[in-house]
Amino acid sequence: MAYVDGFVAAVPTANRDAFIEHATIAAEVMKECGAIRTVDCWGDDVPDGEVTSFPMAVQKKDDETVVFSWIVWPSKEVRDAGMKKMMEHPRMQPDVHPMPFDGKRVIFGGFEIISEG
């Protein structure tokens, strides 16, 4: 059964083009490592919350935009092997391909699909 990795991050709004370039390269590498699909979304209607919200979760600053991304893998096993390959991939090394956002404020997790419409 397919497996999904999800990510939420705060990206400096001025780094939108750099984020798109980063996401494009990362998607190519992830697909080389077995991913079926990658999706990256730039926040458009992401309200602040009073108790919880995407902006609160990633400690979004006024000059940042929330992004929401996911990767679909054929299975958790393919994902585990693919993520290991991706982290070791020469094109994904921080000195070659730095993240245009604060990686310490990224929320991420792996999810088993239980329903699809």
C-alpha atoms as a PDB file:
ATOM      1  CA  MET A   1       0.000   0.000   0.000  1.00  0.00           C
ATOM      2  CA  ALA A   2       1.208   3.528  -0.801  1.00  0.00           C
ATOM      3  CA  TYR A   3       2.875   5.630   1.877  1.00  0.00           C
ATOM      4  CA  VAL A   4       2.998   9.428   2.244  1.00  0.00           C
ATOM      5  CA  ASP A   5       5.537  11.784   3.781  1.00  0.00           C
ATOM      6  CA  GLY A   6       4.088  15.177   4.689  1.00  0.00           C
ATOM      7  CA  PHE A   7       5.875  18.442   5.437  1.00  0.00           C
ATOM      8  CA  VAL A   8       4.899  21.919   6.628  1.00  0.00           C
ATOM      9  CA  ALA A   9       7.474  24.727   6.743  1.00  0.00           C
ATOM     10  CA  ALA A  10       7.773  28.505   6.946  1.00  0.00           C
ATOM     11  CA  VAL A  11       9.695  29.924   3.993  1.00  0.00           C
ATOM     12  CA  PRO A  12      10.826  33.544   3.721  1.00  0.00           C
ATOM     13  CA  THR A  13       8.431  35.031   1.195  1.00  0.00           C
ATOM     14  CA  ALA A  14      11.383  36.595  -0.630  1.00  0.00           C
ATOM     15  CA  ASN A  15      12.753  33.060  -1.165  1.00  0.00           C
ATOM     16  CA  ARG A  16       9.766  31.833  -3.187  1.00  0.00           C
ATOM     17  CA  ASP A  17      11.784  31.329  -6.391  1.00  0.00           C
ATOM     18  CA  ALA A  18      14.620  29.671  -4.461  1.00  0.00           C
ATOM     19  CA  PHE A  19      12.077  27.369  -2.787  1.00  0.00           C
ATOM     20  CA  ILE A  20      10.587  26.403  -6.162  1.00  0.00           C
ATOM     21  CA  GLU A  21      14.065  25.614  -7.498  1.00  0.00           C
ATOM     22  CA  HIS A  22      14.892  23.637  -4.340  1.00  0.00           C
ATOM     23  CA  ALA A  23      11.610  21.701  -4.533  1.00  0.00           C
ATOM     24  CA  THR A  24      12.106  20.944  -8.238  1.00  0.00           C
ATOM     25  CA  ILE A  25      15.565  19.484  -7.683  1.00  0.00           C
ATOM     26  CA  ALA A  26      14.410  17.567  -4.605  1.00  0.00           C
ATOM     27  CA  ALA A  27      11.468  16.118  -6.566  1.00  0.00           C
ATOM     28  CA  GLU A  28      13.793  14.877  -9.320  1.00  0.00           C
ATOM     29  CA  VAL A  29      16.026  13.174  -6.762  1.00  0.00           C
ATOM     30  CA  MET A  30      13.076  11.697  -4.836  1.00  0.00           C
ATOM     31  CA  LYS A  31      11.668  10.210  -8.025  1.00  0.00           C
ATOM     32  CA  GLU A  32      15.091   8.742  -8.821  1.00  0.00           C
ATOM     33  CA  CYS A  33      14.930   7.192  -5.333  1.00  0.00           C
ATOM     34  CA  GLY A  34      11.496   5.627  -5.856  1.00  0.00           C
ATOM     35  CA  ALA A  35       8.867   8.299  -5.142  1.00  0.00           C
ATOM     36  CA  ILE A  36       5.709   8.132  -7.250  1.00  0.00           C
ATOM     37  CA  ARG A  37       4.680  11.767  -6.876  1.00  0.00           C
ATOM     38  CA  THR A  38       5.719  14.949  -5.109  1.00  0.00           C
ATOM     39  CA  VAL A  39       3.559  18.008  -4.458  1.00  0.00           C
ATOM     40  CA  ASP A  40       4.685  21.392  -3.117  1.00  0.00           C
ATOM     41  CA  CYS A  41       2.136  24.079  -2.247  1.00  0.00           C
ATOM     42  CA  TRP A  42       2.703  27.777  -1.494  1.00  0.00           C
ATOM     43  CA  GLY A  43       0.366  29.118   1.203  1.00  0.00           C
ATOM     44  CA  ASP A  44      -2.480  31.260  -0.067  1.00  0.00           C
ATOM     45  CA  ASP A  45      -5.227  31.030   2.578  1.00  0.00           C
ATOM     46  CA  VAL A  46      -3.454  29.906   5.761  1.00  0.00           C
ATOM     47  CA  PRO A  47      -5.025  31.736   8.701  1.00  0.00           C
ATOM     48  CA  ASP A  48      -3.429  32.335  12.067  1.00  0.00           C
ATOM     49  CA  GLY A  49      -5.112  30.394  14.836  1.00  0.00           C
ATOM     50  CA  GLU A  50      -5.897  31.061  18.457  1.00  0.00           C
ATOM     51  CA  VAL A  51      -5.027  27.590  19.732  1.00  0.00           C
ATOM     52  CA  THR A  52      -3.482  25.762  16.756  1.00  0.00           C
ATOM     53  CA  SER A  53      -2.658  26.585  13.146  1.00  0.00           C
ATOM     54  CA  PHE A  54      -0.083  25.925  10.477  1.00  0.00           C
ATOM     55  CA  PRO A  55       1.565  29.331  11.090  1.00  0.00           C
ATOM     56  CA  MET A  56       1.797  28.670  14.824  1.00  0.00           C
ATOM     57  CA  ALA A  57       3.128  25.159  14.316  1.00  0.00           C
ATOM     58  CA  VAL A  58       6.090  26.350  12.224  1.00  0.00           C
ATOM     59  CA  GLN A  59       6.593  29.616  14.148  1.00  0.00           C
ATOM     60  CA  LYS A  60       5.915  31.648  10.998  1.00  0.00           C
ATOM     61  CA  LYS A  61       7.315  35.178  10.997  1.00  0.00           C
ATOM     62  CA  ASP A  62       5.632  38.145   9.313  1.00  0.00           C
ATOM     63  CA  ASP A  63       7.928  37.940   6.280  1.00  0.00           C
ATOM     64  CA  GLU A  64       7.345  34.204   5.737  1.00  0.00           C
ATOM     65  CA  THR A  65       4.801  32.033   3.928  1.00  0.00           C
ATOM     66  CA  VAL A  66       3.669  28.561   4.993  1.00  0.00           C
ATOM     67  CA  VAL A  67       4.338  25.758   2.517  1.00  0.00           C
ATOM     68  CA  PHE A  68       2.733  22.329   2.548  1.00  0.00           C
ATOM     69  CA  SER A  69       4.349  19.440   0.705  1.00  0.00           C
ATOM     70  CA  TRP A  70       3.950  15.714   0.365  1.00  0.00           C
ATOM     71  CA  ILE A  71       5.639  12.777  -1.295  1.00  0.00           C
ATOM     72  CA  VAL A  72       3.830   9.602  -2.337  1.00  0.00           C
ATOM     73  CA  TRP A  73       5.813   6.362  -2.256  1.00  0.00           C
ATOM     74  CA  PRO A  74       4.714   2.883  -3.410  1.00  0.00           C
ATOM     75  CA  SER A  75       5.210   1.519   0.136  1.00  0.00           C
ATOM     76  CA  LYS A  76       6.848   2.308   3.462  1.00  0.00           C
ATOM     77  CA  GLU A  77       9.696  -0.030   2.539  1.00  0.00           C
ATOM     78  CA  VAL A  78      10.392   1.883  -0.690  1.00  0.00           C
ATOM     79  CA  ARG A  79      10.135   5.138   1.260  1.00  0.00           C
ATOM     80  CA  ASP A  80      12.607   4.012   3.923  1.00  0.00           C
ATOM     81  CA  ALA A  81      15.148   2.938   1.304  1.00  0.00           C
ATOM     82  CA  GLY A  82      14.435   5.972  -0.894  1.00  0.00           C
ATOM     83  CA  MET A  83      14.822   8.498   1.920  1.00  0.00           C
ATOM     84  CA  LYS A  84      18.149   6.921   2.884  1.00  0.00           C
ATOM     85  CA  LYS A  85      19.335   7.179  -0.741  1.00  0.00           C
ATOM     86  CA  MET A  86      18.067  10.750  -0.974  1.00  0.00           C
ATOM     87  CA  MET A  87      19.892  11.878   2.179  1.00  0.00           C
ATOM     88  CA  GLU A  88      23.127  10.417   0.774  1.00  0.00           C
ATOM     89  CA  HIS A  89      22.562  11.709  -2.778  1.00  0.00           C
ATOM     90  CA  PRO A  90      25.269  14.166  -3.929  1.00  0.00           C
ATOM     91  CA  ARG A  91      22.675  16.644  -5.264  1.00  0.00           C
ATOM     92  CA  MET A  92      20.967  16.830  -1.854  1.00  0.00           C
ATOM     93  CA  GLN A  93      23.997  17.741   0.257  1.00  0.00           C
ATOM     94  CA  PRO A  94      23.597  21.055   2.149  1.00  0.00           C
ATOM     95  CA  ASP A  95      26.709  22.578   0.586  1.00  0.00           C
ATOM     96  CA  VAL A  96      25.371  21.784  -2.914  1.00  0.00           C
ATOM     97  CA  HIS A  97      21.634  22.203  -2.339  1.00  0.00           C
ATOM     98  CA  PRO A  98      20.984  24.388   0.748  1.00  0.00           C
ATOM     99  CA  MET A  99      17.442  24.712   2.026  1.00  0.00           C
ATOM    100  CA  PRO A 100      16.037  28.238   1.472  1.00  0.00           C
ATOM    101  CA  PHE A 101      14.272  28.082   4.861  1.00  0.00           C
ATOM    102  CA  ASP A 102      14.928  27.150   8.484  1.00  0.00           C
ATOM    103  CA  GLY A 103      14.948  23.357   8.560  1.00  0.00           C
ATOM    104  CA  LYS A 104      14.596  23.375  12.367  1.00  0.00           C
ATOM    105  CA  ARG A 105      11.010  24.641  12.005  1.00  0.00           C
ATOM    106  CA  VAL A 106       9.843  22.005   9.529  1.00  0.00           C
ATOM    107  CA  ILE A 107       7.120  19.657  10.720  1.00  0.00           C
ATOM    108  CA  PHE A 108       7.195  16.276   9.022  1.00  0.00           C
ATOM    109  CA  GLY A 109       5.912  12.767   9.352  1.00  0.00           C
ATOM    110  CA  GLY A 110       5.178   9.553   7.503  1.00  0.00           C
ATOM    111  CA  PHE A 111       1.620   8.375   7.005  1.00  0.00           C
ATOM    112  CA  GLU A 112      -0.087   5.152   6.009  1.00  0.00           C
ATOM    113  CA  ILE A 113      -2.972   5.839   3.628  1.00  0.00           C
ATOM    114  CA  ILE A 114      -6.230   4.592   5.128  1.00  0.00           C
ATOM    115  CA  SER A 115      -8.715   6.219   2.756  1.00  0.00           C
ATOM    116  CA  GLU A 116      -8.609   7.749  -0.718  1.00  0.00           C
ATOM    117  CA  GLY A 117     -11.311   9.512  -2.659  1.00  0.00           C
END
